[in-house]
Amino acid sequence: MSTVIGISGSLRKGSFNSALLRAAAEMAPANCQIEIASIREIPLFDGDVEAQGLPAPVAALKERIVAADGLLLVSPEYNFSLPGVLKNAIDWLSRPAKDIPRVFGGHPVALAGAGGRGGTRMAQAAWLPVFRTLGLLPWFGKSLFVAEARNVFDGEGKLTDDTVRSQLREFVTGFAAFVGAHKR
C-alpha cells in the first residue's frame, strides 16, 4: 500500500482544485491511499519567525510528507503562474535547507489542476524548476489540465463531467503505479 499526500494550492472553500483533489482521493486504486493535507494554517514565510523555530503546522506537514511515498499537488493557475499560497507552503517545507533531501529528495510528485480556458498549463510548467531544485521525481505519464472547471463540477464541488472523471481516474491510476515503483 502506498500513501500519497495530496495538497490543494487554493484556500477558497469552493475551490475547483480542492474538489479535484477530493475526487482524486476517492478514485485512488486499492493499492494507494491519497491523504489530503491542508496548507491553510501555514503562515506567510518570515525569516524572523523561522529563527524562532518552524511553526507547528509546517513541522507536522513536513513529517507527513517524509512518511509518505509520494506527493500530489493540485495547483490552480494565477496570472499564468503558480499560486502564492502553495509556493509559500513549499518554501516553508524546504526550511531549513539541509532538510530538503529528507523531505523532498527522490519523492515522486505529480501535478494536476483545474482552471479557466487554458486549464493550468502555465502553472504546471512553472512548478518544474521548483521540483528540480527540491530533488523531487516528477511523474510525466499523464497530464491533467482541467479547463473551464466551472462546467465540470456541480455547486457542491462534485465532479460531474464523465470525460474529466475518466481522465482523472487514468491520472490517479498511473501516478499510483509510478509511486509504487519509486518508493524511497
C-alpha atoms as a PDB file:
ATOM      1  CA  MET A   1       0.000   0.000   0.000  1.00  0.00           C
ATOM      2  CA  SER A   2       1.352   3.403  -0.999  1.00  0.00           C
ATOM      3  CA  THR A   3       0.499   6.654   0.714  1.00  0.00           C
ATOM      4  CA  VAL A   4       0.371   9.931  -1.188  1.00  0.00           C
ATOM      5  CA  ILE A   5      -0.032  13.315   0.462  1.00  0.00           C
ATOM      6  CA  GLY A   6      -2.374  15.471  -1.619  1.00  0.00           C
ATOM      7  CA  ILE A   7      -2.302  19.245  -1.282  1.00  0.00           C
ATOM      8  CA  SER A   8      -4.584  21.763  -2.941  1.00  0.00           C
ATOM      9  CA  GLY A   9      -2.975  25.075  -3.801  1.00  0.00           C
ATOM     10  CA  SER A  10      -6.173  27.013  -3.162  1.00  0.00           C
ATOM     11  CA  LEU A  11      -7.642  28.174   0.133  1.00  0.00           C
ATOM     12  CA  ARG A  12     -11.083  29.062  -1.242  1.00  0.00           C
ATOM     13  CA  LYS A  13     -13.925  26.994   0.237  1.00  0.00           C
ATOM     14  CA  GLY A  14     -15.449  26.404  -3.189  1.00  0.00           C
ATOM     15  CA  SER A  15     -12.098  25.716  -4.852  1.00  0.00           C
ATOM     16  CA  PHE A  16     -12.262  23.604  -8.005  1.00  0.00           C
ATOM     17  CA  ASN A  17      -8.719  22.403  -7.262  1.00  0.00           C
ATOM     18  CA  SER A  18      -9.718  21.190  -3.802  1.00  0.00           C
ATOM     19  CA  ALA A  19     -12.738  19.485  -5.395  1.00  0.00           C
ATOM     20  CA  LEU A  20     -10.442  17.849  -7.950  1.00  0.00           C
ATOM     21  CA  LEU A  21      -8.167  16.630  -5.147  1.00  0.00           C
ATOM     22  CA  ARG A  22     -11.120  15.152  -3.250  1.00  0.00           C
ATOM     23  CA  ALA A  23     -12.263  13.375  -6.415  1.00  0.00           C
ATOM     24  CA  ALA A  24      -8.724  12.042  -6.944  1.00  0.00           C
ATOM     25  CA  ALA A  25      -8.653  10.687  -3.382  1.00  0.00           C
ATOM     26  CA  GLU A  26     -11.978   8.935  -3.963  1.00  0.00           C
ATOM     27  CA  MET A  27     -10.657   7.356  -7.188  1.00  0.00           C
ATOM     28  CA  ALA A  28      -7.354   6.131  -5.796  1.00  0.00           C
ATOM     29  CA  PRO A  29      -6.792   2.467  -6.606  1.00  0.00           C
ATOM     30  CA  ALA A  30      -6.882  -0.085  -3.812  1.00  0.00           C
ATOM     31  CA  ASN A  31      -3.072  -0.126  -3.523  1.00  0.00           C
ATOM     32  CA  CYS A  32      -2.799   3.628  -2.914  1.00  0.00           C
ATOM     33  CA  GLN A  33      -4.265   5.976  -0.364  1.00  0.00           C
ATOM     34  CA  ILE A  34      -4.343   9.727  -1.006  1.00  0.00           C
ATOM     35  CA  GLU A  35      -4.359  11.625   2.277  1.00  0.00           C
ATOM     36  CA  ILE A  36      -5.472  15.225   1.878  1.00  0.00           C
ATOM     37  CA  ALA A  37      -3.383  17.763   3.776  1.00  0.00           C
ATOM     38  CA  SER A  38      -4.169  21.437   4.261  1.00  0.00           C
ATOM     39  CA  ILE A  39      -1.902  24.455   3.956  1.00  0.00           C
ATOM     40  CA  ARG A  40      -4.491  26.806   5.476  1.00  0.00           C
ATOM     41  CA  GLU A  41      -2.630  27.193   8.793  1.00  0.00           C
ATOM     42  CA  ILE A  42       0.804  27.800   7.280  1.00  0.00           C
ATOM     43  CA  PRO A  43       1.793  31.441   7.828  1.00  0.00           C
ATOM     44  CA  LEU A  44       3.492  33.678   5.302  1.00  0.00           C
ATOM     45  CA  PHE A  45       7.188  32.883   5.217  1.00  0.00           C
ATOM     46  CA  ASP A  46       9.163  35.180   7.501  1.00  0.00           C
ATOM     47  CA  GLY A  47      12.811  34.605   8.366  1.00  0.00           C
ATOM     48  CA  ASP A  48      12.237  36.176  11.799  1.00  0.00           C
ATOM     49  CA  VAL A  49       9.525  33.607  12.531  1.00  0.00           C
ATOM     50  CA  GLU A  50      11.775  30.833  11.204  1.00  0.00           C
ATOM     51  CA  ALA A  51      14.550  31.964  13.571  1.00  0.00           C
ATOM     52  CA  GLN A  52      12.164  31.147  16.441  1.00  0.00           C
ATOM     53  CA  GLY A  53      11.583  27.635  15.077  1.00  0.00           C
ATOM     54  CA  LEU A  54       9.288  26.128  12.486  1.00  0.00           C
ATOM     55  CA  PRO A  55       5.595  26.796  13.071  1.00  0.00           C
ATOM     56  CA  ALA A  56       3.796  23.658  14.240  1.00  0.00           C
ATOM     57  CA  PRO A  57       1.657  23.290  11.059  1.00  0.00           C
ATOM     58  CA  VAL A  58       4.818  23.390   8.930  1.00  0.00           C
ATOM     59  CA  ALA A  59       6.646  20.823  11.069  1.00  0.00           C
ATOM     60  CA  ALA A  60       3.623  18.500  11.064  1.00  0.00           C
ATOM     61  CA  LEU A  61       3.180  18.658   7.281  1.00  0.00           C
ATOM     62  CA  LYS A  62       6.899  18.089   6.723  1.00  0.00           C
ATOM     63  CA  GLU A  63       6.754  14.861   8.722  1.00  0.00           C
ATOM     64  CA  ARG A  64       3.648  13.691   6.848  1.00  0.00           C
ATOM     65  CA  ILE A  65       5.480  14.218   3.551  1.00  0.00           C
ATOM     66  CA  VAL A  66       8.589  12.428   4.833  1.00  0.00           C
ATOM     67  CA  ALA A  67       6.476   9.430   5.906  1.00  0.00           C
ATOM     68  CA  ALA A  68       4.541   9.301   2.629  1.00  0.00           C
ATOM     69  CA  ASP A  69       5.540   7.591  -0.604  1.00  0.00           C
ATOM     70  CA  GLY A  70       4.517  10.434  -2.914  1.00  0.00           C
ATOM     71  CA  LEU A  71       3.174  13.941  -3.227  1.00  0.00           C
ATOM     72  CA  LEU A  72       0.239  15.146  -5.338  1.00  0.00           C
ATOM     73  CA  LEU A  73      -0.106  18.888  -5.859  1.00  0.00           C
ATOM     74  CA  VAL A  74      -3.358  20.155  -7.306  1.00  0.00           C
ATOM     75  CA  SER A  75      -2.413  23.647  -8.301  1.00  0.00           C
ATOM     76  CA  PRO A  76      -4.512  26.494  -9.627  1.00  0.00           C
ATOM     77  CA  GLU A  77      -3.019  28.977 -12.035  1.00  0.00           C
ATOM     78  CA  TYR A  78      -2.858  32.622 -11.005  1.00  0.00           C
ATOM     79  CA  ASN A  79      -1.723  35.180 -13.577  1.00  0.00           C
ATOM     80  CA  PHE A  80      -0.274  32.429 -15.788  1.00  0.00           C
ATOM     81  CA  SER A  81       1.935  31.063 -12.985  1.00  0.00           C
ATOM     82  CA  LEU A  82       1.894  29.156  -9.716  1.00  0.00           C
ATOM     83  CA  PRO A  83      -0.240  30.259  -6.765  1.00  0.00           C
ATOM     84  CA  GLY A  84       1.458  32.172  -3.977  1.00  0.00           C
ATOM     85  CA  VAL A  85      -0.096  30.251  -1.088  1.00  0.00           C
ATOM     86  CA  LEU A  86       1.156  26.902  -2.369  1.00  0.00           C
ATOM     87  CA  LYS A  87       4.602  28.256  -3.217  1.00  0.00           C
ATOM     88  CA  ASN A  88       4.730  29.798   0.270  1.00  0.00           C
ATOM     89  CA  ALA A  89       3.937  26.405   1.808  1.00  0.00           C
ATOM     90  CA  ILE A  90       6.649  24.710  -0.248  1.00  0.00           C
ATOM     91  CA  ASP A  91       9.102  27.445   0.776  1.00  0.00           C
ATOM     92  CA  TRP A  92       8.361  26.759   4.443  1.00  0.00           C
ATOM     93  CA  LEU A  93       8.592  22.987   3.922  1.00  0.00           C
ATOM     94  CA  SER A  94      12.070  23.421   2.426  1.00  0.00           C
ATOM     95  CA  ARG A  95      13.400  25.079   5.589  1.00  0.00           C
ATOM     96  CA  PRO A  96      15.977  24.618   6.869  1.00  0.00           C
ATOM     97  CA  ALA A  97      17.664  23.947   3.531  1.00  0.00           C
ATOM     98  CA  LYS A  98      19.521  20.944   4.941  1.00  0.00           C
ATOM     99  CA  ASP A  99      16.105  19.223   5.270  1.00  0.00           C
ATOM    100  CA  ILE A 100      15.349  19.369   1.534  1.00  0.00           C
ATOM    101  CA  PRO A 101      16.785  15.901   0.747  1.00  0.00           C
ATOM    102  CA  ARG A 102      14.941  14.350   3.710  1.00  0.00           C
ATOM    103  CA  VAL A 103      11.591  15.944   2.911  1.00  0.00           C
ATOM    104  CA  PHE A 104      11.618  16.046  -0.891  1.00  0.00           C
ATOM    105  CA  GLY A 105      14.639  14.242  -2.317  1.00  0.00           C
ATOM    106  CA  GLY A 106      13.611  11.454  -4.669  1.00  0.00           C
ATOM    107  CA  HIS A 107       9.935  11.722  -3.730  1.00  0.00           C
ATOM    108  CA  PRO A 108       7.556  11.043  -6.623  1.00  0.00           C
ATOM    109  CA  VAL A 109       5.392  14.075  -7.344  1.00  0.00           C
ATOM    110  CA  ALA A 110       2.505  14.712  -9.719  1.00  0.00           C
ATOM    111  CA  LEU A 111       0.661  17.858 -10.722  1.00  0.00           C
ATOM    112  CA  ALA A 112      -2.947  18.338 -11.665  1.00  0.00           C
ATOM    113  CA  GLY A 113      -5.059  21.432 -11.804  1.00  0.00           C
ATOM    114  CA  ALA A 114      -8.399  22.962 -12.646  1.00  0.00           C
ATOM    115  CA  GLY A 115      -8.797  26.423 -14.103  1.00  0.00           C
ATOM    116  CA  GLY A 116     -10.237  28.558 -16.845  1.00  0.00           C
ATOM    117  CA  ARG A 117      -9.840  28.335 -20.605  1.00  0.00           C
ATOM    118  CA  GLY A 118      -6.263  27.039 -20.564  1.00  0.00           C
ATOM    119  CA  GLY A 119      -6.603  24.806 -17.564  1.00  0.00           C
ATOM    120  CA  THR A 120      -3.379  25.131 -15.573  1.00  0.00           C
ATOM    121  CA  ARG A 121      -0.692  24.513 -18.186  1.00  0.00           C
ATOM    122  CA  MET A 122       1.383  27.579 -17.364  1.00  0.00           C
ATOM    123  CA  ALA A 123       1.302  26.922 -13.612  1.00  0.00           C
ATOM    124  CA  GLN A 124       2.322  23.311 -14.126  1.00  0.00           C
ATOM    125  CA  ALA A 125       5.264  24.408 -16.251  1.00  0.00           C
ATOM    126  CA  ALA A 126       6.230  26.991 -13.609  1.00  0.00           C
ATOM    127  CA  TRP A 127       6.449  24.256 -10.954  1.00  0.00           C
ATOM    128  CA  LEU A 128       9.142  22.284 -12.812  1.00  0.00           C
ATOM    129  CA  PRO A 129      12.156  24.414 -11.742  1.00  0.00           C
ATOM    130  CA  VAL A 130      10.933  24.205  -8.146  1.00  0.00           C
ATOM    131  CA  PHE A 131      10.723  20.406  -8.372  1.00  0.00           C
ATOM    132  CA  ARG A 132      14.200  20.250  -9.874  1.00  0.00           C
ATOM    133  CA  THR A 133      15.618  22.411  -7.078  1.00  0.00           C
ATOM    134  CA  LEU A 134      13.985  20.260  -4.404  1.00  0.00           C
ATOM    135  CA  GLY A 135      15.148  16.984  -5.976  1.00  0.00           C
ATOM    136  CA  LEU A 136      11.600  15.703  -6.494  1.00  0.00           C
ATOM    137  CA  LEU A 137      10.897  12.965  -9.033  1.00  0.00           C
ATOM    138  CA  PRO A 138       8.141  14.330 -11.314  1.00  0.00           C
ATOM    139  CA  TRP A 139       5.711  11.962 -12.983  1.00  0.00           C
ATOM    140  CA  PHE A 140       5.117  12.903 -16.609  1.00  0.00           C
ATOM    141  CA  GLY A 141       2.907   9.974 -17.534  1.00  0.00           C
ATOM    142  CA  LYS A 142      -0.438  11.732 -17.946  1.00  0.00           C
ATOM    143  CA  SER A 143      -1.143  15.445 -17.866  1.00  0.00           C
ATOM    144  CA  LEU A 144      -4.314  16.711 -16.274  1.00  0.00           C
ATOM    145  CA  PHE A 145      -5.276  20.309 -17.057  1.00  0.00           C
ATOM    146  CA  VAL A 146      -8.975  20.700 -16.344  1.00  0.00           C
ATOM    147  CA  ALA A 147     -10.171  23.622 -18.475  1.00  0.00           C
ATOM    148  CA  GLU A 148     -13.399  25.507 -17.812  1.00  0.00           C
ATOM    149  CA  ALA A 149     -13.597  23.935 -14.358  1.00  0.00           C
ATOM    150  CA  ARG A 150     -16.841  25.731 -13.527  1.00  0.00           C
ATOM    151  CA  ASN A 151     -18.504  23.494 -16.118  1.00  0.00           C
ATOM    152  CA  VAL A 152     -17.284  20.139 -14.749  1.00  0.00           C
ATOM    153  CA  PHE A 153     -18.219  20.482 -11.061  1.00  0.00           C
ATOM    154  CA  ASP A 154     -21.636  20.999  -9.539  1.00  0.00           C
ATOM    155  CA  GLY A 155     -22.493  23.520  -6.806  1.00  0.00           C
ATOM    156  CA  GLU A 156     -21.311  21.135  -4.097  1.00  0.00           C
ATOM    157  CA  GLY A 157     -17.935  20.505  -5.719  1.00  0.00           C
ATOM    158  CA  LYS A 158     -18.764  17.080  -7.131  1.00  0.00           C
ATOM    159  CA  LEU A 159     -17.134  16.137 -10.410  1.00  0.00           C
ATOM    160  CA  THR A 160     -19.969  15.733 -12.932  1.00  0.00           C
ATOM    161  CA  ASP A 161     -18.144  15.504 -16.269  1.00  0.00           C
ATOM    162  CA  ASP A 162     -17.627  11.903 -17.407  1.00  0.00           C
ATOM    163  CA  THR A 163     -14.676  12.768 -19.673  1.00  0.00           C
ATOM    164  CA  VAL A 164     -12.806  14.528 -16.869  1.00  0.00           C
ATOM    165  CA  ARG A 165     -13.724  11.708 -14.477  1.00  0.00           C
ATOM    166  CA  SER A 166     -12.160   9.207 -16.888  1.00  0.00           C
ATOM    167  CA  GLN A 167      -9.051  11.378 -17.324  1.00  0.00           C
ATOM    168  CA  LEU A 168      -8.715  11.759 -13.553  1.00  0.00           C
ATOM    169  CA  ARG A 169      -9.063   8.011 -12.979  1.00  0.00           C
ATOM    170  CA  GLU A 170      -6.321   7.355 -15.567  1.00  0.00           C
ATOM    171  CA  PHE A 171      -4.144  10.055 -13.988  1.00  0.00           C
ATOM    172  CA  VAL A 172      -4.529   8.722 -10.428  1.00  0.00           C
ATOM    173  CA  THR A 173      -4.004   5.100 -11.503  1.00  0.00           C
ATOM    174  CA  GLY A 174      -0.874   5.997 -13.454  1.00  0.00           C
ATOM    175  CA  PHE A 175       0.593   8.077 -10.643  1.00  0.00           C
ATOM    176  CA  ALA A 176      -0.158   5.353  -8.082  1.00  0.00           C
ATOM    177  CA  ALA A 177       1.793   2.863 -10.216  1.00  0.00           C
ATOM    178  CA  PHE A 178       4.671   5.350 -10.517  1.00  0.00           C
ATOM    179  CA  VAL A 179       4.731   5.867  -6.758  1.00  0.00           C
ATOM    180  CA  GLY A 180       4.689   2.111  -6.161  1.00  0.00           C
ATOM    181  CA  ALA A 181       7.666   1.664  -8.484  1.00  0.00           C
ATOM    182  CA  HIS A 182       9.679   4.525  -6.936  1.00  0.00           C
ATOM    183  CA  LYS A 183       9.232   4.204  -3.182  1.00  0.00           C
ATOM    184  CA  ARG A 184      12.150   5.606  -1.227  1.00  0.00           C
END
